[in-house]
Amino acid sequence: MAEDIKIRKADPSDHDKIIRALQDWWGGRDLTAMLPKLFLNHFNETSFVAENEGRMIGFLIGFLSPSLKLKDEAYVHFMGVHPDFRKKGIGKTLYDRFFEICRAHGRPIVRACTSPVNRSSVKFHERIGFQLEAGDDEIEGLPVTRDYNRPGDHKVRFTKIIKM
């Protein structure tokens, strides 16, 4: 990753910038409803923003699962990199920062998901060591969990076990 790119913890004031990115970086898919400001209000200590010359070029919204059943798990709810800055190590660096927090809190299991239409996200997650989870259906050769967040919202789910 280039030296002029800085990673910092997210702040609730980043929400508007991230919402604009969700409108612009995903090729016309509007994903804004999936990221209410409460994620940055409550999980900003485990979320990050990548900047280049003061401009946001990437972000990761993640959290340590508060569920007692999932006390050794963490979850990445959203991660995105500006299209002009992809394949430069930013996404991996954002995940690496999140993994550091997971290690510090004894969370070896990290989960994430993406839409089956987002093949580049599937490839990215596999490239950085995530495994595809079994689903209850298959779309174009990918295992998916149907109606993951709401009816019609099918997701490819991932798991990575990080070294502690």
C-alpha atoms as a PDB file:
ATOM      1  CA  MET A   1       0.000   0.000   0.000  1.00  0.00           C
ATOM      2  CA  ALA A   2       1.289   3.461  -0.876  1.00  0.00           C
ATOM      3  CA  GLU A   3       2.787   5.596   1.871  1.00  0.00           C
ATOM      4  CA  ASP A   4       0.409   8.490   1.143  1.00  0.00           C
ATOM      5  CA  ILE A   5      -2.573   6.361   2.198  1.00  0.00           C
ATOM      6  CA  LYS A   6      -3.468   6.616   5.867  1.00  0.00           C
ATOM      7  CA  ILE A   7      -5.724   4.293   7.860  1.00  0.00           C
ATOM      8  CA  ARG A   8      -7.541   5.688  10.884  1.00  0.00           C
ATOM      9  CA  LYS A   9     -10.388   4.653  13.151  1.00  0.00           C
ATOM     10  CA  ALA A  10     -13.801   5.599  11.845  1.00  0.00           C
ATOM     11  CA  ASP A  11     -15.854   8.332  13.448  1.00  0.00           C
ATOM     12  CA  PRO A  12     -19.620   8.938  13.407  1.00  0.00           C
ATOM     13  CA  SER A  13     -18.932  12.063  11.323  1.00  0.00           C
ATOM     14  CA  ASP A  14     -17.705   9.748   8.516  1.00  0.00           C
ATOM     15  CA  HIS A  15     -21.221   8.423   7.940  1.00  0.00           C
ATOM     16  CA  ASP A  16     -22.193  10.932   5.229  1.00  0.00           C
ATOM     17  CA  LYS A  17     -18.999  10.232   3.251  1.00  0.00           C
ATOM     18  CA  ILE A  18     -19.540   6.490   3.517  1.00  0.00           C
ATOM     19  CA  ILE A  19     -23.176   6.799   2.417  1.00  0.00           C
ATOM     20  CA  ARG A  20     -22.040   8.767  -0.654  1.00  0.00           C
ATOM     21  CA  ALA A  21     -19.505   6.031  -1.374  1.00  0.00           C
ATOM     22  CA  LEU A  22     -22.219   3.383  -1.101  1.00  0.00           C
ATOM     23  CA  GLN A  23     -24.137   5.283  -3.773  1.00  0.00           C
ATOM     24  CA  ASP A  24     -21.127   5.679  -6.081  1.00  0.00           C
ATOM     25  CA  TRP A  25     -18.709   2.756  -5.672  1.00  0.00           C
ATOM     26  CA  TRP A  26     -21.063  -0.184  -6.259  1.00  0.00           C
ATOM     27  CA  GLY A  27     -21.974   0.389  -9.890  1.00  0.00           C
ATOM     28  CA  GLY A  28     -25.440   1.788  -9.316  1.00  0.00           C
ATOM     29  CA  ARG A  29     -26.546  -0.653  -6.598  1.00  0.00           C
ATOM     30  CA  ASP A  30     -28.007   1.395  -3.739  1.00  0.00           C
ATOM     31  CA  LEU A  31     -26.791  -0.192  -0.505  1.00  0.00           C
ATOM     32  CA  THR A  32     -27.322   2.816   1.758  1.00  0.00           C
ATOM     33  CA  ALA A  33     -30.173   1.267   3.750  1.00  0.00           C
ATOM     34  CA  MET A  34     -27.779  -1.414   4.991  1.00  0.00           C
ATOM     35  CA  LEU A  35     -25.583   1.047   6.883  1.00  0.00           C
ATOM     36  CA  PRO A  36     -27.483   3.206   9.360  1.00  0.00           C
ATOM     37  CA  LYS A  37     -25.429   5.677  11.368  1.00  0.00           C
ATOM     38  CA  LEU A  38     -25.781   3.515  14.484  1.00  0.00           C
ATOM     39  CA  PHE A  39     -22.950   1.324  13.148  1.00  0.00           C
ATOM     40  CA  LEU A  40     -20.548   4.265  13.372  1.00  0.00           C
ATOM     41  CA  ASN A  41     -22.014   5.435  16.669  1.00  0.00           C
ATOM     42  CA  HIS A  42     -21.580   2.041  18.326  1.00  0.00           C
ATOM     43  CA  PHE A  43     -18.776   0.294  16.411  1.00  0.00           C
ATOM     44  CA  ASN A  44     -16.383   3.088  15.441  1.00  0.00           C
ATOM     45  CA  GLU A  45     -13.629   1.618  17.644  1.00  0.00           C
ATOM     46  CA  THR A  46     -13.599  -1.483  15.399  1.00  0.00           C
ATOM     47  CA  SER A  47     -14.145   0.317  12.091  1.00  0.00           C
ATOM     48  CA  PHE A  48     -11.658   2.096   9.855  1.00  0.00           C
ATOM     49  CA  VAL A  49     -11.355   4.685   7.104  1.00  0.00           C
ATOM     50  CA  ALA A  50      -8.581   4.826   4.489  1.00  0.00           C
ATOM     51  CA  GLU A  51      -7.665   8.293   3.235  1.00  0.00           C
ATOM     52  CA  ASN A  52      -5.491   9.700   0.498  1.00  0.00           C
ATOM     53  CA  GLU A  53      -4.714  13.414   0.766  1.00  0.00           C
ATOM     54  CA  GLY A  54      -7.681  13.864   3.099  1.00  0.00           C
ATOM     55  CA  ARG A  55     -10.122  12.081   0.776  1.00  0.00           C
ATOM     56  CA  MET A  56     -11.841   8.878   1.900  1.00  0.00           C
ATOM     57  CA  ILE A  57     -10.856   6.054  -0.447  1.00  0.00           C
ATOM     58  CA  GLY A  58     -11.867   3.053   1.631  1.00  0.00           C
ATOM     59  CA  PHE A  59     -13.621   1.932   4.766  1.00  0.00           C
ATOM     60  CA  LEU A  60     -14.354  -1.120   6.870  1.00  0.00           C
ATOM     61  CA  ILE A  61     -17.261  -1.340   9.304  1.00  0.00           C
ATOM     62  CA  GLY A  62     -16.804  -4.248  11.695  1.00  0.00           C
ATOM     63  CA  PHE A  63     -17.595  -5.293  15.229  1.00  0.00           C
ATOM     64  CA  LEU A  64     -16.862  -7.880  17.875  1.00  0.00           C
ATOM     65  CA  SER A  65     -19.993  -9.971  18.242  1.00  0.00           C
ATOM     66  CA  PRO A  66     -21.746  -9.069  21.485  1.00  0.00           C
ATOM     67  CA  SER A  67     -23.701 -12.345  21.524  1.00  0.00           C
ATOM     68  CA  LEU A  68     -22.684 -14.816  24.218  1.00  0.00           C
ATOM     69  CA  LYS A  69     -23.077 -17.629  21.698  1.00  0.00           C
ATOM     70  CA  LEU A  70     -20.583 -15.890  19.432  1.00  0.00           C
ATOM     71  CA  LYS A  71     -18.079 -14.715  22.031  1.00  0.00           C
ATOM     72  CA  ASP A  72     -15.131 -15.773  19.882  1.00  0.00           C
ATOM     73  CA  GLU A  73     -16.448 -14.175  16.686  1.00  0.00           C
ATOM     74  CA  ALA A  74     -16.209 -10.847  14.914  1.00  0.00           C
ATOM     75  CA  TYR A  75     -18.102  -9.623  11.881  1.00  0.00           C
ATOM     76  CA  VAL A  76     -17.303  -7.273   9.019  1.00  0.00           C
ATOM     77  CA  HIS A  77     -20.566  -5.647   8.024  1.00  0.00           C
ATOM     78  CA  PHE A  78     -19.216  -3.554   5.141  1.00  0.00           C
ATOM     79  CA  MET A  79     -15.916  -2.948   3.409  1.00  0.00           C
ATOM     80  CA  GLY A  80     -15.358  -0.872   0.333  1.00  0.00           C
ATOM     81  CA  VAL A  81     -12.542   0.674  -1.657  1.00  0.00           C
ATOM     82  CA  HIS A  82     -12.931   3.466  -4.208  1.00  0.00           C
ATOM     83  CA  PRO A  83     -12.805   1.941  -7.724  1.00  0.00           C
ATOM     84  CA  ASP A  84      -9.715   4.019  -8.637  1.00  0.00           C
ATOM     85  CA  PHE A  85      -7.803   2.595  -5.658  1.00  0.00           C
ATOM     86  CA  ARG A  86      -8.660  -1.092  -5.897  1.00  0.00           C
ATOM     87  CA  LYS A  87      -5.919  -3.734  -6.196  1.00  0.00           C
ATOM     88  CA  LYS A  88      -3.478  -1.541  -4.270  1.00  0.00           C
ATOM     89  CA  GLY A  89      -3.638  -3.421  -0.956  1.00  0.00           C
ATOM     90  CA  ILE A  90      -6.090  -1.069   0.755  1.00  0.00           C
ATOM     91  CA  GLY A  91      -8.825  -3.650   1.343  1.00  0.00           C
ATOM     92  CA  LYS A  92      -6.340  -6.162   2.726  1.00  0.00           C
ATOM     93  CA  THR A  93      -4.801  -3.498   4.982  1.00  0.00           C
ATOM     94  CA  LEU A  94      -8.230  -2.520   6.320  1.00  0.00           C
ATOM     95  CA  TYR A  95      -8.932  -6.176   7.094  1.00  0.00           C
ATOM     96  CA  ASP A  96      -5.479  -6.596   8.685  1.00  0.00           C
ATOM     97  CA  ARG A  97      -6.222  -3.711  11.061  1.00  0.00           C
ATOM     98  CA  PHE A  98      -9.523  -5.349  11.963  1.00  0.00           C
ATOM     99  CA  PHE A  99      -7.771  -8.692  12.512  1.00  0.00           C
ATOM    100  CA  GLU A 100      -5.390  -6.956  14.961  1.00  0.00           C
ATOM    101  CA  ILE A 101      -8.378  -5.885  17.062  1.00  0.00           C
ATOM    102  CA  CYS A 102      -9.835  -9.384  16.830  1.00  0.00           C
ATOM    103  CA  ARG A 103      -6.573 -10.890  18.099  1.00  0.00           C
ATOM    104  CA  ALA A 104      -6.362  -8.394  20.957  1.00  0.00           C
ATOM    105  CA  HIS A 105      -9.853  -9.436  22.074  1.00  0.00           C
ATOM    106  CA  GLY A 106      -9.458 -13.187  21.553  1.00  0.00           C
ATOM    107  CA  ARG A 107     -11.741 -13.358  18.508  1.00  0.00           C
ATOM    108  CA  PRO A 108     -10.267 -15.918  16.092  1.00  0.00           C
ATOM    109  CA  ILE A 109     -13.387 -16.307  13.929  1.00  0.00           C
ATOM    110  CA  VAL A 110     -14.167 -13.516  11.471  1.00  0.00           C
ATOM    111  CA  ARG A 111     -17.271 -13.600   9.309  1.00  0.00           C
ATOM    112  CA  ALA A 112     -18.387 -11.459   6.376  1.00  0.00           C
ATOM    113  CA  CYS A 113     -20.771 -11.674   3.440  1.00  0.00           C
ATOM    114  CA  THR A 114     -21.363 -10.205   0.005  1.00  0.00           C
ATOM    115  CA  SER A 115     -23.936 -10.285  -2.740  1.00  0.00           C
ATOM    116  CA  PRO A 116     -23.556 -13.125  -5.262  1.00  0.00           C
ATOM    117  CA  VAL A 117     -23.477 -10.541  -8.069  1.00  0.00           C
ATOM    118  CA  ASN A 118     -20.314  -9.043  -6.580  1.00  0.00           C
ATOM    119  CA  ARG A 119     -17.853 -11.585  -7.986  1.00  0.00           C
ATOM    120  CA  SER A 120     -14.869  -9.316  -7.389  1.00  0.00           C
ATOM    121  CA  SER A 121     -15.722  -9.242  -3.671  1.00  0.00           C
ATOM    122  CA  VAL A 122     -15.972 -13.037  -3.605  1.00  0.00           C
ATOM    123  CA  LYS A 123     -12.551 -13.330  -5.257  1.00  0.00           C
ATOM    124  CA  PHE A 124     -11.051 -10.713  -2.942  1.00  0.00           C
ATOM    125  CA  HIS A 125     -12.267 -12.492   0.196  1.00  0.00           C
ATOM    126  CA  GLU A 126     -10.975 -15.828  -1.055  1.00  0.00           C
ATOM    127  CA  ARG A 127      -7.615 -14.234  -1.944  1.00  0.00           C
ATOM    128  CA  ILE A 128      -7.131 -12.964   1.622  1.00  0.00           C
ATOM    129  CA  GLY A 129      -7.967 -16.341   3.143  1.00  0.00           C
ATOM    130  CA  PHE A 130     -11.714 -16.406   3.719  1.00  0.00           C
ATOM    131  CA  GLN A 131     -13.563 -19.661   3.075  1.00  0.00           C
ATOM    132  CA  LEU A 132     -17.024 -19.756   1.529  1.00  0.00           C
ATOM    133  CA  GLU A 133     -19.660 -21.066   3.914  1.00  0.00           C
ATOM    134  CA  ALA A 134     -22.328 -23.521   2.849  1.00  0.00           C
ATOM    135  CA  GLY A 135     -25.662 -21.947   2.060  1.00  0.00           C
ATOM    136  CA  ASP A 136     -29.193 -23.128   1.542  1.00  0.00           C
ATOM    137  CA  ASP A 137     -29.058 -22.574  -2.222  1.00  0.00           C
ATOM    138  CA  GLU A 138     -26.679 -21.901  -5.101  1.00  0.00           C
ATOM    139  CA  ILE A 139     -26.537 -19.027  -7.582  1.00  0.00           C
ATOM    140  CA  GLU A 140     -24.261 -19.341 -10.599  1.00  0.00           C
ATOM    141  CA  GLY A 141     -22.064 -21.856  -8.801  1.00  0.00           C
ATOM    142  CA  LEU A 142     -21.800 -19.908  -5.527  1.00  0.00           C
ATOM    143  CA  PRO A 143     -23.295 -21.136  -2.242  1.00  0.00           C
ATOM    144  CA  VAL A 144     -25.790 -18.548  -0.988  1.00  0.00           C
ATOM    145  CA  THR A 145     -27.992 -18.037   2.007  1.00  0.00           C
ATOM    146  CA  ARG A 146     -31.351 -16.897   0.722  1.00  0.00           C
ATOM    147  CA  ASP A 147     -33.138 -13.932   2.302  1.00  0.00           C
ATOM    148  CA  TYR A 148     -30.124 -13.209   4.535  1.00  0.00           C
ATOM    149  CA  ASN A 149     -31.175  -9.718   5.690  1.00  0.00           C
ATOM    150  CA  ARG A 150     -34.624  -9.493   4.110  1.00  0.00           C
ATOM    151  CA  PRO A 151     -36.628 -11.251   1.394  1.00  0.00           C
ATOM    152  CA  GLY A 152     -34.703 -11.332  -1.881  1.00  0.00           C
ATOM    153  CA  ASP A 153     -31.388 -10.367  -0.279  1.00  0.00           C
ATOM    154  CA  HIS A 154     -29.276 -13.476  -0.893  1.00  0.00           C
ATOM    155  CA  LYS A 155     -25.694 -13.498   0.380  1.00  0.00           C
ATOM    156  CA  VAL A 156     -22.464 -15.407  -0.063  1.00  0.00           C
ATOM    157  CA  ARG A 157     -21.105 -15.895   3.449  1.00  0.00           C
ATOM    158  CA  PHE A 158     -17.436 -16.181   4.429  1.00  0.00           C
ATOM    159  CA  THR A 159     -15.441 -17.310   7.443  1.00  0.00           C
ATOM    160  CA  LYS A 160     -11.784 -16.828   8.245  1.00  0.00           C
ATOM    161  CA  ILE A 161      -9.952 -18.260  11.220  1.00  0.00           C
ATOM    162  CA  ILE A 162      -7.150 -15.875  12.117  1.00  0.00           C
ATOM    163  CA  LYS A 163      -3.972 -16.899  13.895  1.00  0.00           C
ATOM    164  CA  MET A 164      -3.963 -15.698  17.470  1.00  0.00           C
END
